[in-house]
């Protein structure tokens, strides 16, 4: 699975948080409100283009400006990252044990429910 750089992650967080299709200008405005130095629209468009090539976003070309949506949810992305890390471990049981040992009681209860 391709990884996300810092700026790519910020763009994806904006799309995930919105829940709707956004233009590059919408994303630029949102990122500007969260940062001390605003990004150029061309920078946001470049990041969106990279994310589209990596399969993270889908571009809606029906109207101008184009709008972008996340291909998968944040939860789907995080689950895929966890699965990738687990898949790279020589001792998956040890990794799972370490993970489970660090969860809160509420998270442990959620895991029990999901596994039953």
N, C-alpha and C. Protein backbone atom coordinates (compact mmCIF):
# COMPACT_ATOMS: atom_id res chain seq x y z
N UNK A 1 0.84 -1.17 0.00
CA UNK A 1 0.00 0.00 0.00
C UNK A 1 0.89 1.24 0.00
N UNK A 2 0.59 2.19 -0.86
CA UNK A 2 1.39 3.42 -0.87
C UNK A 2 1.23 4.18 0.45
N UNK A 3 2.27 4.85 0.84
CA UNK A 3 2.22 5.62 2.07
C UNK A 3 1.84 7.06 1.77
N UNK A 4 1.46 7.76 2.82
CA UNK A 4 1.08 9.17 2.69
C UNK A 4 2.15 10.05 3.31
N UNK A 5 2.55 11.08 2.56
CA UNK A 5 3.43 12.09 3.12
C UNK A 5 2.63 13.02 4.02
N UNK A 6 3.30 13.95 4.66
CA UNK A 6 2.65 14.87 5.61
C UNK A 6 1.55 15.70 4.94
N UNK A 7 1.85 16.27 3.79
CA UNK A 7 0.87 17.09 3.09
C UNK A 7 -0.26 16.23 2.50
N UNK A 8 0.10 15.06 1.99
CA UNK A 8 -0.93 14.14 1.48
C UNK A 8 -1.88 13.74 2.61
N UNK A 9 -1.33 13.50 3.77
CA UNK A 9 -2.15 13.13 4.93
C UNK A 9 -3.09 14.27 5.30
N UNK A 10 -2.59 15.51 5.27
CA UNK A 10 -3.42 16.67 5.60
C UNK A 10 -4.58 16.80 4.60
N UNK A 11 -4.30 16.57 3.33
CA UNK A 11 -5.35 16.64 2.29
C UNK A 11 -6.36 15.51 2.51
N UNK A 12 -5.88 14.31 2.78
CA UNK A 12 -6.79 13.19 3.02
C UNK A 12 -7.62 13.42 4.27
N UNK A 13 -7.02 13.96 5.32
CA UNK A 13 -7.79 14.26 6.54
C UNK A 13 -8.91 15.25 6.24
N UNK A 14 -8.62 16.23 5.40
CA UNK A 14 -9.63 17.21 5.02
C UNK A 14 -10.78 16.54 4.26
N UNK A 15 -10.44 15.66 3.32
CA UNK A 15 -11.48 14.95 2.58
C UNK A 15 -12.27 14.01 3.49
N UNK A 16 -11.59 13.27 4.33
CA UNK A 16 -12.28 12.35 5.24
C UNK A 16 -13.19 13.11 6.20
N UNK A 17 -12.71 14.23 6.71
CA UNK A 17 -13.51 15.00 7.66
C UNK A 17 -14.74 15.63 7.01
N UNK A 18 -14.63 15.98 5.73
CA UNK A 18 -15.73 16.66 5.06
C UNK A 18 -16.89 15.72 4.74
N UNK A 19 -16.56 14.52 4.30
CA UNK A 19 -17.60 13.57 3.93
C UNK A 19 -18.27 13.88 2.60
N UNK A 20 -17.85 14.92 1.92
CA UNK A 20 -18.41 15.30 0.62
C UNK A 20 -17.27 15.58 -0.35
N UNK A 21 -17.62 15.65 -1.63
CA UNK A 21 -16.61 15.99 -2.65
C UNK A 21 -16.19 17.44 -2.49
N UNK A 22 -14.89 17.68 -2.58
CA UNK A 22 -14.34 19.04 -2.44
C UNK A 22 -13.47 19.38 -3.63
N UNK A 23 -13.45 20.65 -3.96
CA UNK A 23 -12.53 21.13 -5.00
C UNK A 23 -11.17 21.39 -4.34
N UNK A 24 -10.16 21.56 -5.16
CA UNK A 24 -8.84 21.90 -4.64
C UNK A 24 -8.89 23.22 -3.87
N UNK A 25 -9.73 24.13 -4.31
CA UNK A 25 -9.86 25.42 -3.64
C UNK A 25 -10.51 25.28 -2.27
N UNK A 26 -11.49 24.37 -2.17
CA UNK A 26 -12.10 24.08 -0.87
C UNK A 26 -11.04 23.53 0.09
N UNK A 27 -10.25 22.60 -0.41
CA UNK A 27 -9.21 21.98 0.41
C UNK A 27 -8.16 23.02 0.79
N UNK A 28 -7.78 23.85 -0.15
CA UNK A 28 -6.80 24.90 0.10
C UNK A 28 -7.29 25.82 1.22
N UNK A 29 -8.55 26.22 1.16
CA UNK A 29 -9.12 27.11 2.18
C UNK A 29 -9.12 26.44 3.55
N UNK A 30 -9.49 25.17 3.60
CA UNK A 30 -9.51 24.45 4.87
C UNK A 30 -8.11 24.32 5.45
N UNK A 31 -7.15 23.97 4.61
CA UNK A 31 -5.78 23.83 5.09
C UNK A 31 -5.21 25.17 5.54
N UNK A 32 -5.60 26.25 4.87
CA UNK A 32 -5.12 27.58 5.24
C UNK A 32 -5.62 27.98 6.62
N UNK A 33 -6.82 27.55 6.97
CA UNK A 33 -7.36 27.90 8.28
C UNK A 33 -6.66 27.13 9.40
N UNK A 34 -5.99 26.03 9.05
CA UNK A 34 -5.31 25.20 10.04
C UNK A 34 -3.79 25.44 10.08
N UNK A 35 -3.27 26.28 9.19
CA UNK A 35 -1.82 26.44 9.09
C UNK A 35 -1.43 27.91 9.13
N UNK A 36 -0.19 28.14 9.50
CA UNK A 36 0.30 29.52 9.54
C UNK A 36 0.68 30.01 8.15
N UNK A 37 1.05 29.10 7.26
CA UNK A 37 1.46 29.48 5.91
C UNK A 37 0.52 28.82 4.90
N UNK A 38 -0.29 29.62 4.20
CA UNK A 38 -1.22 29.02 3.23
C UNK A 38 -0.49 28.38 2.05
N UNK A 39 -1.12 27.35 1.49
CA UNK A 39 -0.57 26.66 0.33
C UNK A 39 -1.12 27.27 -0.95
N UNK A 40 -0.33 27.21 -2.00
CA UNK A 40 -0.80 27.64 -3.31
C UNK A 40 -1.78 26.60 -3.85
N UNK A 41 -2.74 27.05 -4.63
CA UNK A 41 -3.71 26.13 -5.24
C UNK A 41 -3.00 25.09 -6.09
N UNK A 42 -1.94 25.48 -6.77
CA UNK A 42 -1.21 24.53 -7.62
C UNK A 42 -0.57 23.42 -6.77
N UNK A 43 -0.14 23.76 -5.57
CA UNK A 43 0.43 22.75 -4.67
C UNK A 43 -0.64 21.73 -4.28
N UNK A 44 -1.82 22.22 -3.94
CA UNK A 44 -2.92 21.32 -3.56
C UNK A 44 -3.30 20.45 -4.76
N UNK A 45 -3.36 21.03 -5.95
CA UNK A 45 -3.68 20.25 -7.15
C UNK A 45 -2.64 19.17 -7.42
N UNK A 46 -1.38 19.49 -7.20
CA UNK A 46 -0.30 18.51 -7.38
C UNK A 46 -0.46 17.35 -6.39
N UNK A 47 -0.75 17.68 -5.15
CA UNK A 47 -0.95 16.65 -4.13
C UNK A 47 -2.15 15.78 -4.50
N UNK A 48 -3.24 16.39 -4.94
CA UNK A 48 -4.43 15.64 -5.34
C UNK A 48 -4.13 14.73 -6.53
N UNK A 49 -3.33 15.21 -7.45
CA UNK A 49 -2.95 14.39 -8.60
C UNK A 49 -2.16 13.17 -8.14
N UNK A 50 -1.23 13.37 -7.21
CA UNK A 50 -0.45 12.25 -6.67
C UNK A 50 -1.35 11.25 -5.95
N UNK A 51 -2.29 11.79 -5.16
CA UNK A 51 -3.21 10.92 -4.43
C UNK A 51 -4.11 10.13 -5.38
N UNK A 52 -4.48 10.75 -6.48
CA UNK A 52 -5.30 10.05 -7.48
C UNK A 52 -4.50 8.90 -8.10
N UNK A 53 -3.24 9.15 -8.42
CA UNK A 53 -2.38 8.11 -9.00
C UNK A 53 -2.15 6.96 -8.02
N UNK A 54 -2.09 7.28 -6.73
CA UNK A 54 -1.89 6.26 -5.70
C UNK A 54 -3.18 5.51 -5.37
N UNK A 55 -4.30 6.00 -5.88
CA UNK A 55 -5.57 5.33 -5.64
C UNK A 55 -6.31 5.76 -4.39
N UNK A 56 -5.92 6.88 -3.81
CA UNK A 56 -6.57 7.36 -2.60
C UNK A 56 -7.79 8.23 -2.87
N UNK A 57 -7.78 8.96 -3.98
CA UNK A 57 -8.89 9.86 -4.29
C UNK A 57 -9.42 9.59 -5.69
N UNK A 58 -10.66 9.99 -5.86
CA UNK A 58 -11.33 9.89 -7.17
C UNK A 58 -11.71 11.33 -7.56
N UNK A 59 -11.44 11.64 -8.82
CA UNK A 59 -11.76 12.99 -9.31
C UNK A 59 -13.07 12.94 -10.07
N UNK A 60 -13.98 13.84 -9.73
CA UNK A 60 -15.24 14.00 -10.44
C UNK A 60 -15.04 15.08 -11.49
N UNK A 61 -15.12 14.69 -12.74
CA UNK A 61 -14.80 15.59 -13.84
C UNK A 61 -16.03 16.22 -14.48
N UNK A 62 -17.20 16.00 -13.89
CA UNK A 62 -18.46 16.48 -14.48
C UNK A 62 -18.53 18.00 -14.59
N UNK A 63 -17.91 18.68 -13.67
CA UNK A 63 -17.99 20.14 -13.64
C UNK A 63 -16.64 20.72 -13.27
N UNK A 64 -16.52 22.01 -13.48
CA UNK A 64 -15.31 22.74 -13.09
C UNK A 64 -15.63 23.63 -11.92
N UNK A 65 -14.80 23.77 -10.93
CA UNK A 65 -13.57 22.99 -10.78
C UNK A 65 -13.89 21.54 -10.41
N UNK A 66 -12.96 20.67 -10.78
CA UNK A 66 -13.14 19.25 -10.45
C UNK A 66 -13.26 19.09 -8.93
N UNK A 67 -13.98 18.08 -8.55
CA UNK A 67 -14.15 17.78 -7.13
C UNK A 67 -13.53 16.41 -6.84
N UNK A 68 -13.07 16.26 -5.63
CA UNK A 68 -12.36 15.05 -5.23
C UNK A 68 -13.03 14.41 -4.02
N UNK A 69 -13.05 13.10 -4.01
CA UNK A 69 -13.56 12.33 -2.87
C UNK A 69 -12.55 11.24 -2.52
N UNK A 70 -12.57 10.85 -1.27
CA UNK A 70 -11.72 9.74 -0.82
C UNK A 70 -12.30 8.44 -1.37
N UNK A 71 -11.45 7.57 -1.87
CA UNK A 71 -11.87 6.27 -2.40
C UNK A 71 -12.33 5.36 -1.26
N UNK A 72 -11.64 5.42 -0.13
CA UNK A 72 -11.97 4.59 1.03
C UNK A 72 -12.05 5.47 2.26
N UNK A 73 -12.68 4.97 3.28
CA UNK A 73 -12.80 5.71 4.53
C UNK A 73 -11.47 5.73 5.28
N UNK A 74 -11.39 6.61 6.25
CA UNK A 74 -10.20 6.67 7.11
C UNK A 74 -10.03 5.33 7.83
N UNK A 75 -11.13 4.76 8.32
CA UNK A 75 -11.06 3.48 9.02
C UNK A 75 -10.52 2.38 8.11
N UNK A 76 -10.97 2.37 6.85
CA UNK A 76 -10.46 1.38 5.89
C UNK A 76 -8.96 1.55 5.69
N UNK A 77 -8.53 2.80 5.56
CA UNK A 77 -7.10 3.07 5.36
C UNK A 77 -6.29 2.62 6.57
N UNK A 78 -6.75 2.96 7.76
CA UNK A 78 -6.02 2.59 8.97
C UNK A 78 -5.97 1.06 9.14
N UNK A 79 -7.08 0.39 8.84
CA UNK A 79 -7.10 -1.07 8.94
C UNK A 79 -6.11 -1.69 7.96
N UNK A 80 -6.02 -1.13 6.76
CA UNK A 80 -5.07 -1.64 5.76
C UNK A 80 -3.63 -1.44 6.24
N UNK A 81 -3.35 -0.28 6.86
CA UNK A 81 -2.01 -0.05 7.41
C UNK A 81 -1.68 -1.05 8.51
N UNK A 82 -2.65 -1.32 9.38
CA UNK A 82 -2.43 -2.28 10.46
C UNK A 82 -2.18 -3.68 9.89
N UNK A 83 -2.96 -4.05 8.89
CA UNK A 83 -2.79 -5.36 8.27
C UNK A 83 -1.42 -5.46 7.59
N UNK A 84 -0.99 -4.37 6.95
CA UNK A 84 0.31 -4.37 6.28
C UNK A 84 1.44 -4.54 7.29
N UNK A 85 1.36 -3.85 8.41
CA UNK A 85 2.38 -3.96 9.45
C UNK A 85 2.39 -5.38 10.01
N UNK A 86 1.23 -5.90 10.29
CA UNK A 86 1.13 -7.26 10.82
C UNK A 86 1.67 -8.28 9.83
N UNK A 87 1.40 -8.07 8.55
CA UNK A 87 1.88 -8.98 7.53
C UNK A 87 3.38 -8.98 7.39
N UNK A 88 4.04 -7.90 7.79
CA UNK A 88 5.48 -7.82 7.69
C UNK A 88 6.21 -8.38 8.90
N UNK A 89 5.46 -8.82 9.89
CA UNK A 89 6.08 -9.32 11.12
C UNK A 89 6.43 -10.79 10.98
N UNK A 90 7.58 -11.17 11.51
CA UNK A 90 7.96 -12.58 11.51
C UNK A 90 7.12 -13.36 12.52
N UNK A 91 6.83 -12.73 13.65
CA UNK A 91 6.04 -13.37 14.70
C UNK A 91 4.77 -12.57 14.91
N UNK A 92 3.76 -12.90 14.13
CA UNK A 92 2.49 -12.17 14.18
C UNK A 92 1.84 -12.26 15.55
N UNK A 93 1.96 -13.40 16.19
CA UNK A 93 1.36 -13.58 17.51
C UNK A 93 1.97 -12.62 18.52
N UNK A 94 3.29 -12.45 18.46
CA UNK A 94 3.97 -11.53 19.39
C UNK A 94 3.52 -10.09 19.14
N UNK A 95 3.36 -9.72 17.88
CA UNK A 95 2.92 -8.36 17.54
C UNK A 95 1.49 -8.15 18.05
N UNK A 96 0.63 -9.13 17.80
CA UNK A 96 -0.76 -9.02 18.27
C UNK A 96 -0.81 -8.95 19.80
N UNK A 97 0.00 -9.75 20.47
CA UNK A 97 0.02 -9.74 21.94
C UNK A 97 0.47 -8.37 22.45
N UNK A 98 1.47 -7.82 21.82
CA UNK A 98 1.96 -6.50 22.24
C UNK A 98 0.89 -5.43 22.01
N UNK A 99 0.21 -5.51 20.88
CA UNK A 99 -0.85 -4.56 20.56
C UNK A 99 -1.98 -4.67 21.59
N UNK A 100 -2.46 -5.88 21.80
CA UNK A 100 -3.57 -6.10 22.72
C UNK A 100 -3.19 -5.68 24.14
N UNK A 101 -1.94 -5.86 24.50
CA UNK A 101 -1.48 -5.46 25.83
C UNK A 101 -1.48 -3.96 26.05
N UNK A 102 -1.58 -3.20 24.97
CA UNK A 102 -1.53 -1.74 25.09
C UNK A 102 -2.88 -1.06 24.89
N UNK A 103 -3.93 -1.83 24.63
CA UNK A 103 -5.23 -1.21 24.41
C UNK A 103 -5.91 -0.91 25.75
N UNK A 104 -6.83 0.01 25.73
CA UNK A 104 -7.58 0.36 26.93
C UNK A 104 -8.61 -0.73 27.21
N UNK A 105 -9.15 -0.77 28.40
CA UNK A 105 -10.21 -1.75 28.68
C UNK A 105 -11.41 -1.63 27.73
N UNK A 106 -11.78 -0.43 27.38
CA UNK A 106 -12.91 -0.24 26.45
C UNK A 106 -12.56 -0.79 25.07
N UNK A 107 -11.31 -0.56 24.62
CA UNK A 107 -10.89 -1.11 23.33
C UNK A 107 -10.82 -2.63 23.37
N UNK A 108 -10.39 -3.18 24.50
CA UNK A 108 -10.33 -4.64 24.65
C UNK A 108 -11.74 -5.23 24.58
N UNK A 109 -12.70 -4.56 25.19
CA UNK A 109 -14.09 -5.03 25.14
C UNK A 109 -14.62 -4.97 23.70
N UNK A 110 -14.28 -3.90 22.99
CA UNK A 110 -14.70 -3.79 21.59
C UNK A 110 -14.09 -4.92 20.76
N UNK A 111 -12.83 -5.24 21.00
CA UNK A 111 -12.19 -6.35 20.28
C UNK A 111 -12.88 -7.68 20.58
N UNK A 112 -13.21 -7.90 21.87
CA UNK A 112 -13.91 -9.14 22.23
C UNK A 112 -15.23 -9.26 21.48
N UNK A 113 -15.96 -8.19 21.41
CA UNK A 113 -17.25 -8.20 20.71
C UNK A 113 -17.06 -8.45 19.22
N UNK A 114 -16.06 -7.84 18.63
CA UNK A 114 -15.80 -8.02 17.21
C UNK A 114 -15.36 -9.45 16.88
N UNK A 115 -14.64 -10.07 17.77
CA UNK A 115 -14.13 -11.42 17.54
C UNK A 115 -15.16 -12.51 17.82
N UNK A 116 -16.21 -12.19 18.55
CA UNK A 116 -17.21 -13.23 18.85
C UNK A 116 -18.33 -13.26 17.83
